[in-house]
Amino acid sequence: MFQKLVAIEPVSLIPSTEKKLHAYAKEVILYPDIPTDDNETATRIGDADAVLLSYTSQLGKASLEQCPNVKYIGMCCSLYSPESANVDIRYANSRGITVTGIRDYGDEGVVEYVISELVRCLHGFGQTPWDGVAREITGLKAGIVGLGKSGGMIADALHFFGAEISYFARSEKATARTKGYRFLPLDELLEESESVFCCLNKNTVLLQEAQFEKLGNKKMLFNTGLSPAWDEAPFLKWLEGDNLCFCDTVGALGGGHLRNHPKVRCMGVSSGRTRQAFDRLSEKVLQNLAGFTGIKTQ
């Protein structure tokens, strides 16, 4: 059991889970707002030996070196790699601090967002139909960039509606082959696809000037990651054509200065932040705590 567990910011846990945190620490402190800087973060942690945080704060060396008692950091958000994390995992590990994160808790909402926006665009619900006349997803040439959990789910959903699926990933996936999905080099996928869906880890940029030239005109580009999958200058040049870009969050788009662009459709909200996602997130946070402490709750 921890002596003191501190959530340095709101971590989106359901109330029943917040109550269960007391099974893991003698003292639990949950802050209702986001710390303003490294010093405030360090002050909030203080002498705690366990820390929880979401994706809206940074927890780096400058804060951690002021907090010698920390032995566990629970990220109540996605953790894909040390490079993309908002925690300095390498420094934490050098101190013997265990860092855990969450995966695959909000993907269902993201898939629903993609299908919803695609259907609205193709059919012309509240807008001009993409082809000038309403059409179905059936027969759409869809290219998935990044066939991880969310990319795979988007591919499966589009395939269910009759789309032809191609994908680019680090390597060919045997399970994708059995479903009839084509593994293509990135440039070839961009050139062939009518609609491209970028499902990449945070801070992964694959679309630069040469790739936008391959993507060409009369295309739809979806980004479901936490950050842009492109360099901004060639992206803006590409938007000058008869093209559209869809992002649920401003972070995925690259900033608020792009939100009102006439070729951009940005919801300004995270489609993965649903009631069910918070349930899954809460359960996985408790699983991580149980795995570290050996304490299990009902």
Protein backbone atom coordinates (compact mmCIF):
# COMPACT_ATOMS: atom_id res chain seq x y z
CA MET A 1 0.00 0.00 0.00
CA PHE A 2 1.17 3.53 -0.81
CA GLN A 3 1.56 6.08 1.95
CA LYS A 4 0.23 8.91 -0.22
CA LEU A 5 -1.35 8.94 -3.67
CA VAL A 6 -1.87 12.26 -5.47
CA ALA A 7 -3.78 12.92 -8.68
CA ILE A 8 -2.15 16.18 -9.79
CA GLU A 9 -5.04 17.02 -12.13
CA PRO A 10 -8.53 15.71 -13.03
CA VAL A 11 -8.08 12.14 -14.29
CA SER A 12 -11.61 11.33 -15.54
CA LEU A 13 -12.25 8.42 -13.19
CA ILE A 14 -15.82 7.48 -12.38
CA PRO A 15 -16.88 8.16 -8.73
CA SER A 16 -16.85 4.50 -7.68
CA THR A 17 -13.26 4.19 -8.89
CA GLU A 18 -12.19 7.32 -7.02
CA LYS A 19 -13.51 5.70 -3.83
CA LYS A 20 -11.54 2.53 -4.55
CA LEU A 21 -8.28 4.50 -4.71
CA HIS A 22 -8.35 4.59 -0.91
CA ALA A 23 -7.70 0.83 -0.91
CA TYR A 24 -4.27 1.53 -2.40
CA ALA A 25 -3.04 4.40 -0.21
CA LYS A 26 -3.36 5.63 3.35
CA GLU A 27 -3.88 9.16 2.05
CA VAL A 28 -5.46 10.13 -1.30
CA ILE A 29 -5.51 13.67 -2.70
CA LEU A 30 -7.38 14.52 -5.92
CA TYR A 31 -6.80 17.97 -7.40
CA PRO A 32 -9.71 19.50 -9.38
CA ASP A 33 -7.62 21.61 -11.76
CA ILE A 34 -4.48 21.51 -13.89
CA PRO A 35 -1.13 22.66 -12.41
CA THR A 36 0.26 25.78 -14.05
CA ASP A 37 3.97 24.86 -14.14
CA ASP A 38 6.63 22.39 -13.04
CA ASN A 39 6.98 23.92 -9.59
CA GLU A 40 3.28 23.70 -8.87
CA THR A 41 3.29 20.10 -10.09
CA ALA A 42 6.16 19.30 -7.71
CA THR A 43 4.38 21.07 -4.85
CA ARG A 44 1.23 19.03 -5.44
CA ILE A 45 3.20 15.79 -5.44
CA GLY A 46 5.22 16.73 -2.37
CA ASP A 47 6.17 13.64 -0.38
CA ALA A 48 3.75 11.33 -2.22
CA ASP A 49 5.01 7.94 -3.33
CA ALA A 50 2.30 7.49 -6.03
CA VAL A 51 1.11 9.94 -8.69
CA LEU A 52 -1.80 9.88 -11.12
CA LEU A 53 -2.23 12.25 -14.07
CA SER A 54 -4.07 12.54 -17.37
CA TYR A 55 -2.85 13.87 -20.73
CA THR A 56 -3.31 17.59 -20.00
CA SER A 57 -0.21 17.99 -17.78
CA GLN A 58 3.48 17.34 -18.26
CA LEU A 59 5.47 15.45 -15.64
CA GLY A 60 9.14 15.81 -16.42
CA LYS A 61 12.52 15.76 -14.74
CA ALA A 62 12.16 19.33 -13.46
CA SER A 63 9.21 18.27 -11.30
CA LEU A 64 10.25 14.72 -10.44
CA GLU A 65 13.72 15.62 -9.18
CA GLN A 66 12.00 17.68 -6.47
CA CYS A 67 9.96 14.66 -5.36
CA PRO A 68 12.32 11.94 -4.05
CA ASN A 69 9.60 9.65 -2.66
CA VAL A 70 7.80 8.87 -5.94
CA LYS A 71 7.95 5.19 -6.88
CA TYR A 72 4.84 4.86 -9.08
CA ILE A 73 3.28 7.05 -11.79
CA GLY A 74 -0.07 6.02 -13.22
CA MET A 75 -0.93 7.71 -16.51
CA CYS A 76 -4.74 7.80 -16.77
CA CYS A 77 -4.43 8.25 -20.51
CA SER A 78 -2.88 6.56 -23.53
CA LEU A 79 0.73 5.40 -23.35
CA TYR A 80 2.22 4.21 -26.62
CA SER A 81 5.91 5.08 -26.34
CA PRO A 82 8.31 7.11 -24.16
CA GLU A 83 8.70 9.61 -27.03
CA SER A 84 4.99 10.39 -27.22
CA ALA A 85 4.28 10.35 -23.47
CA ASN A 86 3.64 13.44 -21.34
CA VAL A 87 5.77 11.84 -18.62
CA ASP A 88 9.58 11.72 -18.82
CA ILE A 89 9.55 7.95 -18.66
CA ARG A 90 13.27 7.49 -19.22
CA TYR A 91 14.16 9.77 -16.33
CA ALA A 92 11.52 8.11 -14.14
CA ASN A 93 12.85 4.67 -14.96
CA SER A 94 16.41 5.82 -14.19
CA ARG A 95 15.11 6.60 -10.70
CA GLY A 96 13.47 3.19 -10.38
CA ILE A 97 10.01 4.71 -10.78
CA THR A 98 7.41 2.49 -12.46
CA VAL A 99 5.24 4.23 -15.07
CA THR A 100 2.04 2.63 -16.32
CA GLY A 101 -0.45 3.85 -18.90
CA ILE A 102 -3.71 2.92 -20.57
CA ARG A 103 -4.49 1.69 -24.06
CA ASP A 104 -7.63 0.91 -26.00
CA TYR A 105 -10.28 2.61 -23.91
CA GLY A 106 -11.77 5.20 -26.28
CA ASP A 107 -11.46 3.57 -29.69
CA GLU A 108 -15.14 2.67 -30.07
CA GLY A 109 -16.18 6.33 -29.98
CA VAL A 110 -13.51 7.23 -32.53
CA VAL A 111 -14.81 4.60 -34.95
CA GLU A 112 -18.34 5.95 -34.58
CA TYR A 113 -17.06 9.49 -35.27
CA VAL A 114 -15.30 8.39 -38.47
CA ILE A 115 -18.34 6.54 -39.80
CA SER A 116 -20.65 9.41 -38.86
CA GLU A 117 -18.59 12.08 -40.64
CA LEU A 118 -17.95 9.89 -43.66
CA VAL A 119 -21.64 9.08 -44.10
CA ARG A 120 -22.61 12.75 -43.73
CA CYS A 121 -20.04 13.73 -46.36
CA LEU A 122 -20.89 11.01 -48.88
CA HIS A 123 -24.66 11.36 -48.54
CA GLY A 124 -24.65 15.14 -48.26
CA PHE A 125 -26.36 15.39 -44.86
CA GLY A 126 -26.20 19.12 -44.06
CA GLN A 127 -23.73 19.71 -46.89
CA THR A 128 -23.20 19.09 -50.60
CA PRO A 129 -22.71 15.36 -51.34
CA TRP A 130 -19.05 14.55 -51.92
CA ASP A 131 -19.68 13.30 -55.48
CA GLY A 132 -22.54 15.71 -56.20
CA VAL A 133 -25.00 12.86 -55.68
CA ALA A 134 -25.56 10.75 -52.57
CA ARG A 135 -23.48 7.60 -52.42
CA GLU A 136 -22.76 4.80 -49.96
CA ILE A 137 -19.53 3.67 -48.35
CA THR A 138 -19.87 0.55 -50.51
CA GLY A 139 -16.99 0.49 -52.99
CA LEU A 140 -15.08 3.35 -51.33
CA LYS A 141 -11.32 2.94 -51.68
CA ALA A 142 -10.20 3.47 -48.08
CA GLY A 143 -6.55 3.72 -47.03
CA ILE A 144 -5.61 3.17 -43.38
CA VAL A 145 -2.28 4.62 -42.24
CA GLY A 146 -1.37 2.77 -39.06
CA LEU A 147 -3.14 -0.52 -38.43
CA GLY A 148 -2.99 -0.62 -34.66
CA LYS A 149 -6.03 -1.15 -32.45
CA SER A 150 -8.01 1.93 -33.55
CA GLY A 151 -6.84 1.70 -37.17
CA GLY A 152 -7.86 -1.95 -37.27
CA MET A 153 -11.27 -1.15 -35.82
CA ILE A 154 -11.82 1.63 -38.37
CA ALA A 155 -10.78 -0.73 -41.16
CA ASP A 156 -13.20 -3.41 -39.93
CA ALA A 157 -16.06 -0.92 -39.68
CA LEU A 158 -15.46 0.42 -43.18
CA HIS A 159 -15.12 -3.12 -44.51
CA PHE A 160 -18.47 -4.01 -42.92
CA PHE A 161 -20.06 -1.20 -44.95
CA GLY A 162 -18.46 -2.45 -48.15
CA ALA A 163 -15.32 -0.33 -48.49
CA GLU A 164 -12.19 -1.70 -50.20
CA ILE A 165 -9.44 -1.62 -47.55
CA SER A 166 -5.75 -0.94 -48.10
CA TYR A 167 -3.32 -0.16 -45.30
CA PHE A 168 0.22 0.96 -44.54
CA ALA A 169 1.99 -0.17 -41.38
CA ARG A 170 5.49 -1.08 -40.21
CA SER A 171 4.90 -4.60 -41.51
CA GLU A 172 2.18 -6.68 -43.11
CA LYS A 173 -0.39 -8.11 -40.70
CA ALA A 174 -1.40 -11.75 -41.14
CA THR A 175 -4.85 -11.11 -39.66
CA ALA A 176 -5.41 -8.26 -42.12
CA ARG A 177 -4.44 -10.50 -45.02
CA THR A 178 -7.09 -13.05 -44.02
CA LYS A 179 -9.69 -10.27 -44.15
CA GLY A 180 -8.65 -9.30 -47.66
CA TYR A 181 -6.99 -6.02 -46.71
CA ARG A 182 -4.13 -4.99 -49.03
CA PHE A 183 -0.75 -4.03 -47.59
CA LEU A 184 0.70 -1.17 -49.67
CA PRO A 185 3.67 1.22 -49.56
CA LEU A 186 2.58 4.59 -48.22
CA ASP A 187 2.89 6.52 -51.50
CA GLU A 188 0.92 3.89 -53.41
CA LEU A 189 -1.80 3.84 -50.77
CA LEU A 190 -2.12 7.64 -50.86
CA GLU A 191 -2.35 7.67 -54.63
CA GLU A 192 -5.00 4.93 -54.88
CA SER A 193 -7.26 5.80 -51.94
CA GLU A 194 -10.30 8.08 -52.14
CA SER A 195 -10.29 8.56 -48.39
CA VAL A 196 -7.25 8.22 -46.10
CA PHE A 197 -7.46 7.59 -42.35
CA CYS A 198 -4.38 8.41 -40.27
CA CYS A 199 -4.36 6.40 -37.04
CA LEU A 200 -0.88 7.09 -35.71
CA ASN A 201 0.81 7.54 -32.36
CA LYS A 202 1.24 11.06 -31.02
CA ASN A 203 4.00 13.11 -32.69
CA THR A 204 4.31 10.68 -35.62
CA VAL A 205 4.49 12.67 -38.86
CA LEU A 206 4.38 10.72 -42.12
CA LEU A 207 2.74 13.13 -44.56
CA GLN A 208 5.16 15.67 -45.99
CA GLU A 209 5.27 17.49 -49.32
CA ALA A 210 6.04 14.40 -51.41
CA GLN A 211 3.24 12.44 -49.76
CA PHE A 212 0.66 15.18 -50.34
CA GLU A 213 1.68 15.24 -53.99
CA LYS A 214 0.95 11.51 -54.13
CA LEU A 215 -2.35 11.99 -52.30
CA GLY A 216 -3.45 14.39 -55.01
CA ASN A 217 -6.83 16.05 -55.48
CA LYS A 218 -10.46 15.19 -54.66
CA LYS A 219 -9.55 13.30 -51.48
CA MET A 220 -10.80 13.07 -47.92
CA LEU A 221 -8.21 12.94 -45.12
CA PHE A 222 -9.14 11.85 -41.59
CA ASN A 223 -6.79 12.14 -38.63
CA THR A 224 -7.78 10.28 -35.46
CA GLY A 225 -4.47 10.67 -33.62
CA LEU A 226 -3.63 13.10 -30.84
CA SER A 227 -1.41 15.26 -33.05
CA PRO A 228 -1.14 16.10 -36.76
CA ALA A 229 0.16 13.33 -39.03
CA TRP A 230 1.51 15.97 -41.43
CA ASP A 231 3.76 18.97 -41.88
CA GLU A 232 1.57 22.06 -41.88
CA ALA A 233 2.86 23.91 -44.96
CA PRO A 234 2.24 21.13 -47.54
CA PHE A 235 -1.01 20.28 -45.73
CA LEU A 236 -2.31 23.82 -46.27
CA LYS A 237 -1.20 23.76 -49.89
CA TRP A 238 -3.08 20.45 -50.38
CA LEU A 239 -6.22 21.99 -48.87
CA GLU A 240 -6.25 24.55 -51.69
CA GLY A 241 -7.52 21.78 -53.98
CA ASP A 242 -10.90 20.05 -53.94
CA ASN A 243 -10.09 18.25 -50.70
CA LEU A 244 -11.41 17.93 -47.15
CA CYS A 245 -9.80 17.18 -43.80
CA PHE A 246 -11.65 15.74 -40.80
CA CYS A 247 -10.37 15.83 -37.20
CA ASP A 248 -12.30 15.47 -33.98
CA THR A 249 -9.90 17.54 -31.83
CA VAL A 250 -8.00 20.77 -32.37
CA GLY A 251 -4.86 18.94 -31.24
CA ALA A 252 -5.23 16.44 -34.07
CA LEU A 253 -5.65 19.31 -36.51
CA GLY A 254 -2.60 21.22 -35.33
CA GLY A 255 -4.11 24.27 -33.65
CA GLY A 256 -7.09 26.56 -33.40
CA HIS A 257 -5.79 28.78 -36.21
CA LEU A 258 -6.80 26.02 -38.66
CA ARG A 259 -10.23 25.26 -37.29
CA ASN A 260 -12.15 27.78 -39.41
CA HIS A 261 -10.45 26.81 -42.66
CA PRO A 262 -13.22 26.20 -45.25
CA LYS A 263 -11.80 22.76 -46.13
CA VAL A 264 -11.52 21.59 -42.51
CA ARG A 265 -14.21 19.80 -40.51
CA CYS A 266 -13.11 19.86 -36.86
CA MET A 267 -15.55 18.97 -34.08
CA GLY A 268 -13.38 20.45 -31.33
CA VAL A 269 -14.10 17.54 -28.98
CA SER A 270 -12.53 14.14 -28.39
CA SER A 271 -14.83 11.51 -29.86
CA GLY A 272 -13.22 8.91 -27.62
CA ARG A 273 -14.33 10.60 -24.39
CA THR A 274 -17.62 8.79 -23.81
CA ARG A 275 -19.32 7.39 -20.73
CA GLN A 276 -18.25 3.90 -21.72
CA ALA A 277 -14.67 5.08 -22.30
CA PHE A 278 -14.50 6.50 -18.78
CA ASP A 279 -15.73 3.15 -17.46
CA ARG A 280 -13.00 1.29 -19.36
CA LEU A 281 -10.38 3.86 -18.34
CA SER A 282 -11.30 3.58 -14.68
CA GLU A 283 -11.16 -0.20 -14.73
CA LYS A 284 -7.72 -0.21 -16.35
CA VAL A 285 -6.31 2.36 -13.90
CA LEU A 286 -7.35 0.07 -11.05
CA GLN A 287 -5.85 -2.93 -12.84
CA ASN A 288 -2.52 -1.11 -13.11
CA LEU A 289 -2.59 -0.18 -9.43
CA ALA A 290 -3.46 -3.75 -8.50
CA GLY A 291 -0.63 -5.07 -10.65
CA PHE A 292 1.91 -2.85 -8.89
CA THR A 293 0.69 -3.19 -5.31
CA GLY A 294 -0.78 -6.69 -5.38
CA ILE A 295 -3.97 -5.26 -3.87
CA LYS A 296 -7.22 -6.12 -5.64
CA THR A 297 -10.57 -4.45 -5.02
CA GLN A 298 -14.09 -5.66 -5.71
